[in-house]
Amino acid sequence: MDMARAPIRFRKPTDLNKALVFPALLLIFACVPQGASAQVYGTDSHNVTVTVATVNIVQVSAGTASLTLSAAAVTAGVNLMGPVTNSATSLLWGFNSSLRKVTVKTNLAAPKFILKVLAVAPTQGTASPEVTLSTTAADFLINTGRSSGSCTIQYSGSALASAGTGTDTHTITFTVAAQ
């Protein structure tokens, strides 16, 4: 007699389905942890506040500018020598508050020679007429409003022959002010 086990034979396909139902249910319930329940999904919200402070900033693109008056800038018999110009620097700005302007002044209380400044081709606002620098702030750029932009700074230096020779060193200050 053959000890091999004979395969189980089902008479109808429904008998196979009935035979598999109990093991399948047992497997499903064994895999589900006790106490598991349906998850409830919900929503929640919160507020995020973005605050923008007042920004009024100016920046000069280069640290120094030089002007040298030489014989090439002089006409014989005329006391005024020059002018010579330097446009190697620019001013950058950004304002997010009401109508603004930029003023300019020097720290040199008693300059020996004449130094003027002009805003050339501003991308926003209006350039003031050329300013002769002094320790009193003068308008350099007006009507800027809420904007960012740039302009070329043109310095112009001249001297009277009667003032002689020497060097003036200025610290130029650009300031944002309400208009």
C-alpha atoms as a PDB file:
ATOM      1  CA  MET A   1       0.000   0.000   0.000  1.00  0.00           C
ATOM      2  CA  ASP A   2       1.297   3.350  -0.925  1.00  0.00           C
ATOM      3  CA  MET A   3       1.734   5.642   2.083  1.00  0.00           C
ATOM      4  CA  ALA A   4       1.561   8.772   0.021  1.00  0.00           C
ATOM      5  CA  ARG A   5      -1.337  10.873   0.755  1.00  0.00           C
ATOM      6  CA  ALA A   6      -3.956  11.219  -1.860  1.00  0.00           C
ATOM      7  CA  PRO A   7      -4.830  14.768  -2.909  1.00  0.00           C
ATOM      8  CA  ILE A   8      -8.054  16.209  -1.605  1.00  0.00           C
ATOM      9  CA  ARG A   9     -10.619  16.359  -4.275  1.00  0.00           C
ATOM     10  CA  PHE A  10     -13.615  18.641  -4.186  1.00  0.00           C
ATOM     11  CA  ARG A  11     -16.684  17.676  -5.968  1.00  0.00           C
ATOM     12  CA  LYS A  12     -17.894  21.170  -6.821  1.00  0.00           C
ATOM     13  CA  PRO A  13     -16.079  24.532  -7.135  1.00  0.00           C
ATOM     14  CA  THR A  14     -18.306  25.856  -4.338  1.00  0.00           C
ATOM     15  CA  ASP A  15     -16.895  23.234  -1.996  1.00  0.00           C
ATOM     16  CA  LEU A  16     -13.426  24.762  -2.546  1.00  0.00           C
ATOM     17  CA  ASN A  17     -14.757  28.248  -1.793  1.00  0.00           C
ATOM     18  CA  LYS A  18     -16.383  27.039   1.437  1.00  0.00           C
ATOM     19  CA  ALA A  19     -13.195  25.308   2.504  1.00  0.00           C
ATOM     20  CA  LEU A  20     -11.120  28.486   2.042  1.00  0.00           C
ATOM     21  CA  VAL A  21     -13.488  30.903   3.773  1.00  0.00           C
ATOM     22  CA  PHE A  22     -12.656  29.903   7.347  1.00  0.00           C
ATOM     23  CA  PRO A  23      -8.834  30.009   6.966  1.00  0.00           C
ATOM     24  CA  ALA A  24      -9.053  33.339   5.131  1.00  0.00           C
ATOM     25  CA  LEU A  25     -11.195  34.890   7.876  1.00  0.00           C
ATOM     26  CA  LEU A  26      -8.887  33.496  10.544  1.00  0.00           C
ATOM     27  CA  LEU A  27      -5.876  35.084   8.782  1.00  0.00           C
ATOM     28  CA  ILE A  28      -7.620  38.469   8.431  1.00  0.00           C
ATOM     29  CA  PHE A  29      -8.633  38.643  12.103  1.00  0.00           C
ATOM     30  CA  ALA A  30      -5.218  37.510  13.275  1.00  0.00           C
ATOM     31  CA  CYS A  31      -3.542  40.370  11.358  1.00  0.00           C
ATOM     32  CA  VAL A  32      -5.825  43.106  12.689  1.00  0.00           C
ATOM     33  CA  PRO A  33      -4.696  44.275  16.131  1.00  0.00           C
ATOM     34  CA  GLN A  34      -7.206  44.239  18.907  1.00  0.00           C
ATOM     35  CA  GLY A  35      -8.680  47.589  19.618  1.00  0.00           C
ATOM     36  CA  ALA A  36      -8.049  48.844  16.082  1.00  0.00           C
ATOM     37  CA  SER A  37     -10.744  51.061  14.833  1.00  0.00           C
ATOM     38  CA  ALA A  38     -11.378  53.160  11.815  1.00  0.00           C
ATOM     39  CA  GLN A  39      -9.249  56.316  11.677  1.00  0.00           C
ATOM     40  CA  VAL A  40     -11.033  59.619  11.629  1.00  0.00           C
ATOM     41  CA  TYR A  41      -9.413  62.293   9.478  1.00  0.00           C
ATOM     42  CA  GLY A  42     -10.084  65.924  10.259  1.00  0.00           C
ATOM     43  CA  THR A  43      -8.737  69.367   9.545  1.00  0.00           C
ATOM     44  CA  ASP A  44      -7.148  72.028  11.659  1.00  0.00           C
ATOM     45  CA  SER A  45      -5.751  75.447  10.935  1.00  0.00           C
ATOM     46  CA  HIS A  46      -3.654  78.208  12.431  1.00  0.00           C
ATOM     47  CA  ASN A  47      -2.697  81.775  11.575  1.00  0.00           C
ATOM     48  CA  VAL A  48       0.663  82.851  10.171  1.00  0.00           C
ATOM     49  CA  THR A  49       1.506  86.536  10.321  1.00  0.00           C
ATOM     50  CA  VAL A  50       4.035  88.143   7.991  1.00  0.00           C
ATOM     51  CA  THR A  51       5.195  91.569   9.141  1.00  0.00           C
ATOM     52  CA  VAL A  52       7.233  93.856   6.916  1.00  0.00           C
ATOM     53  CA  ALA A  53       9.163  96.596   8.670  1.00  0.00           C
ATOM     54  CA  THR A  54       9.865  99.963   7.110  1.00  0.00           C
ATOM     55  CA  VAL A  55      12.885  99.729   4.836  1.00  0.00           C
ATOM     56  CA  ASN A  56      14.828 102.828   3.784  1.00  0.00           C
ATOM     57  CA  ILE A  57      18.253 101.833   2.571  1.00  0.00           C
ATOM     58  CA  VAL A  58      20.935 103.362   0.367  1.00  0.00           C
ATOM     59  CA  GLN A  59      24.262 101.929  -0.711  1.00  0.00           C
ATOM     60  CA  VAL A  60      27.178 103.459  -2.587  1.00  0.00           C
ATOM     61  CA  SER A  61      28.731 100.991  -5.033  1.00  0.00           C
ATOM     62  CA  ALA A  62      32.388 101.998  -4.640  1.00  0.00           C
ATOM     63  CA  GLY A  63      34.371 103.208  -1.664  1.00  0.00           C
ATOM     64  CA  THR A  64      36.344 106.072  -3.185  1.00  0.00           C
ATOM     65  CA  ALA A  65      36.266 108.557  -6.021  1.00  0.00           C
ATOM     66  CA  SER A  66      39.158 110.796  -7.059  1.00  0.00           C
ATOM     67  CA  LEU A  67      39.309 114.051  -8.984  1.00  0.00           C
ATOM     68  CA  THR A  68      42.583 115.657 -10.063  1.00  0.00           C
ATOM     69  CA  LEU A  69      42.793 119.153 -11.510  1.00  0.00           C
ATOM     70  CA  SER A  70      45.773 119.535 -13.795  1.00  0.00           C
ATOM     71  CA  ALA A  71      46.941 121.902 -16.529  1.00  0.00           C
ATOM     72  CA  ALA A  72      44.589 120.195 -18.963  1.00  0.00           C
ATOM     73  CA  ALA A  73      41.598 121.602 -17.025  1.00  0.00           C
ATOM     74  CA  VAL A  74      42.895 125.178 -16.928  1.00  0.00           C
ATOM     75  CA  THR A  75      42.390 128.096 -19.286  1.00  0.00           C
ATOM     76  CA  ALA A  76      45.069 130.793 -19.135  1.00  0.00           C
ATOM     77  CA  GLY A  77      43.869 134.025 -17.619  1.00  0.00           C
ATOM     78  CA  VAL A  78      40.782 132.439 -15.965  1.00  0.00           C
ATOM     79  CA  ASN A  79      40.671 132.078 -12.180  1.00  0.00           C
ATOM     80  CA  LEU A  80      38.255 129.075 -12.246  1.00  0.00           C
ATOM     81  CA  MET A  81      40.067 125.814 -13.022  1.00  0.00           C
ATOM     82  CA  GLY A  82      38.074 122.795 -14.142  1.00  0.00           C
ATOM     83  CA  PRO A  83      35.708 121.240 -13.815  1.00  0.00           C
ATOM     84  CA  VAL A  84      36.852 117.631 -13.912  1.00  0.00           C
ATOM     85  CA  THR A  85      34.316 114.834 -13.386  1.00  0.00           C
ATOM     86  CA  ASN A  86      34.196 111.314 -12.006  1.00  0.00           C
ATOM     87  CA  SER A  87      31.235 108.980 -12.649  1.00  0.00           C
ATOM     88  CA  ALA A  88      32.777 105.746 -11.372  1.00  0.00           C
ATOM     89  CA  THR A  89      30.316 105.180  -8.527  1.00  0.00           C
ATOM     90  CA  SER A  90      26.607 104.578  -8.311  1.00  0.00           C
ATOM     91  CA  LEU A  91      23.917 104.772  -5.679  1.00  0.00           C
ATOM     92  CA  LEU A  92      21.489 101.925  -5.031  1.00  0.00           C
ATOM     93  CA  TRP A  93      18.355 102.312  -2.906  1.00  0.00           C
ATOM     94  CA  GLY A  94      15.246 100.554  -1.680  1.00  0.00           C
ATOM     95  CA  PHE A  95      12.243 102.140   0.066  1.00  0.00           C
ATOM     96  CA  ASN A  96       8.933 100.570   1.001  1.00  0.00           C
ATOM     97  CA  SER A  97       7.339 103.492   2.807  1.00  0.00           C
ATOM     98  CA  SER A  98       5.706 106.709   1.676  1.00  0.00           C
ATOM     99  CA  LEU A  99       7.228 109.262  -0.671  1.00  0.00           C
ATOM    100  CA  ARG A 100      10.977 109.527  -0.008  1.00  0.00           C
ATOM    101  CA  LYS A 101      13.985 111.501  -1.129  1.00  0.00           C
ATOM    102  CA  VAL A 102      17.749 111.122  -0.789  1.00  0.00           C
ATOM    103  CA  THR A 103      19.832 113.987   0.533  1.00  0.00           C
ATOM    104  CA  VAL A 104      23.590 114.460   0.309  1.00  0.00           C
ATOM    105  CA  LYS A 105      26.167 116.349   2.358  1.00  0.00           C
ATOM    106  CA  THR A 106      29.880 116.418   3.140  1.00  0.00           C
ATOM    107  CA  ASN A 107      31.638 116.345   6.488  1.00  0.00           C
ATOM    108  CA  LEU A 108      34.226 118.919   5.402  1.00  0.00           C
ATOM    109  CA  ALA A 109      33.217 122.222   7.017  1.00  0.00           C
ATOM    110  CA  ALA A 110      35.665 124.489   5.175  1.00  0.00           C
ATOM    111  CA  PRO A 111      36.648 122.984   1.825  1.00  0.00           C
ATOM    112  CA  LYS A 112      39.400 124.740  -0.102  1.00  0.00           C
ATOM    113  CA  PHE A 113      38.076 123.573  -3.470  1.00  0.00           C
ATOM    114  CA  ILE A 114      34.590 123.205  -5.012  1.00  0.00           C
ATOM    115  CA  LEU A 115      32.957 119.755  -5.109  1.00  0.00           C
ATOM    116  CA  LYS A 116      29.564 119.214  -6.743  1.00  0.00           C
ATOM    117  CA  VAL A 117      27.453 116.087  -7.153  1.00  0.00           C
ATOM    118  CA  LEU A 118      24.680 115.057  -9.562  1.00  0.00           C
ATOM    119  CA  ALA A 119      22.402 112.002  -9.835  1.00  0.00           C
ATOM    120  CA  VAL A 120      22.664 110.797 -13.434  1.00  0.00           C
ATOM    121  CA  ALA A 121      19.976 108.620 -15.068  1.00  0.00           C
ATOM    122  CA  PRO A 122      18.013 107.493 -11.995  1.00  0.00           C
ATOM    123  CA  THR A 123      15.868 104.409 -12.649  1.00  0.00           C
ATOM    124  CA  GLN A 124      13.193 105.762 -10.255  1.00  0.00           C
ATOM    125  CA  GLY A 125      12.477 109.246  -8.954  1.00  0.00           C
ATOM    126  CA  THR A 126      13.820 112.571 -10.189  1.00  0.00           C
ATOM    127  CA  ALA A 127      17.376 113.860 -10.043  1.00  0.00           C
ATOM    128  CA  SER A 128      17.777 117.229  -8.324  1.00  0.00           C
ATOM    129  CA  PRO A 129      19.894 119.876 -10.078  1.00  0.00           C
ATOM    130  CA  GLU A 130      23.632 119.618  -9.451  1.00  0.00           C
ATOM    131  CA  VAL A 131      24.420 120.219  -5.765  1.00  0.00           C
ATOM    132  CA  THR A 132      27.450 122.118  -4.444  1.00  0.00           C
ATOM    133  CA  LEU A 133      28.357 120.059  -1.378  1.00  0.00           C
ATOM    134  CA  SER A 134      28.351 121.547   2.110  1.00  0.00           C
ATOM    135  CA  THR A 135      27.712 120.300   5.636  1.00  0.00           C
ATOM    136  CA  THR A 136      24.009 121.121   5.181  1.00  0.00           C
ATOM    137  CA  ALA A 137      22.045 118.287   3.563  1.00  0.00           C
ATOM    138  CA  ALA A 138      20.698 119.097   0.101  1.00  0.00           C
ATOM    139  CA  ASP A 139      18.242 117.174  -2.081  1.00  0.00           C
ATOM    140  CA  PHE A 140      20.010 114.713  -4.370  1.00  0.00           C
ATOM    141  CA  LEU A 141      17.116 112.548  -5.567  1.00  0.00           C
ATOM    142  CA  ILE A 142      13.407 113.310  -5.064  1.00  0.00           C
ATOM    143  CA  ASN A 143       9.993 111.697  -5.705  1.00  0.00           C
ATOM    144  CA  THR A 144      11.174 108.122  -5.245  1.00  0.00           C
ATOM    145  CA  GLY A 145       8.052 106.755  -3.546  1.00  0.00           C
ATOM    146  CA  ARG A 146       7.993 103.029  -2.800  1.00  0.00           C
ATOM    147  CA  SER A 147      10.733 101.822  -5.087  1.00  0.00           C
ATOM    148  CA  SER A 148      14.150 100.386  -5.563  1.00  0.00           C
ATOM    149  CA  GLY A 149      16.566 101.704  -8.105  1.00  0.00           C
ATOM    150  CA  SER A 150      19.948 103.089  -8.940  1.00  0.00           C
ATOM    151  CA  CYS A 151      21.690 106.068 -10.476  1.00  0.00           C
ATOM    152  CA  THR A 152      25.210 107.055 -11.423  1.00  0.00           C
ATOM    153  CA  ILE A 153      26.863 109.501  -9.043  1.00  0.00           C
ATOM    154  CA  GLN A 154      28.732 112.198 -10.956  1.00  0.00           C
ATOM    155  CA  TYR A 155      31.208 114.243  -8.953  1.00  0.00           C
ATOM    156  CA  SER A 156      32.513 117.480 -10.408  1.00  0.00           C
ATOM    157  CA  GLY A 157      35.534 119.258  -8.954  1.00  0.00           C
ATOM    158  CA  SER A 158      36.858 122.725  -9.665  1.00  0.00           C
ATOM    159  CA  ALA A 159      39.064 125.264  -7.959  1.00  0.00           C
ATOM    160  CA  LEU A 160      39.986 128.900  -8.077  1.00  0.00           C
ATOM    161  CA  ALA A 161      43.599 129.479  -9.066  1.00  0.00           C
ATOM    162  CA  SER A 162      43.804 131.919  -6.195  1.00  0.00           C
ATOM    163  CA  ALA A 163      43.084 129.017  -3.744  1.00  0.00           C
ATOM    164  CA  GLY A 164      46.483 127.490  -4.521  1.00  0.00           C
ATOM    165  CA  THR A 165      47.310 123.794  -4.311  1.00  0.00           C
ATOM    166  CA  GLY A 166      46.305 121.102  -1.834  1.00  0.00           C
ATOM    167  CA  THR A 167      43.884 118.283  -1.201  1.00  0.00           C
ATOM    168  CA  ASP A 168      40.348 118.247   0.195  1.00  0.00           C
ATOM    169  CA  THR A 169      39.147 114.889   1.539  1.00  0.00           C
ATOM    170  CA  HIS A 170      35.374 114.622   1.880  1.00  0.00           C
ATOM    171  CA  THR A 171      33.228 111.971   3.524  1.00  0.00           C
ATOM    172  CA  ILE A 172      29.996 112.109   1.550  1.00  0.00           C
ATOM    173  CA  THR A 173      26.796 111.008   3.290  1.00  0.00           C
ATOM    174  CA  PHE A 174      23.607 110.024   1.471  1.00  0.00           C
ATOM    175  CA  THR A 175      20.512 109.962   3.695  1.00  0.00           C
ATOM    176  CA  VAL A 176      16.938 108.805   3.130  1.00  0.00           C
ATOM    177  CA  ALA A 177      14.394 111.389   4.303  1.00  0.00           C
ATOM    178  CA  ALA A 178      10.652 111.969   4.133  1.00  0.00           C
ATOM    179  CA  GLN A 179       9.651 114.263   1.323  1.00  0.00           C
END
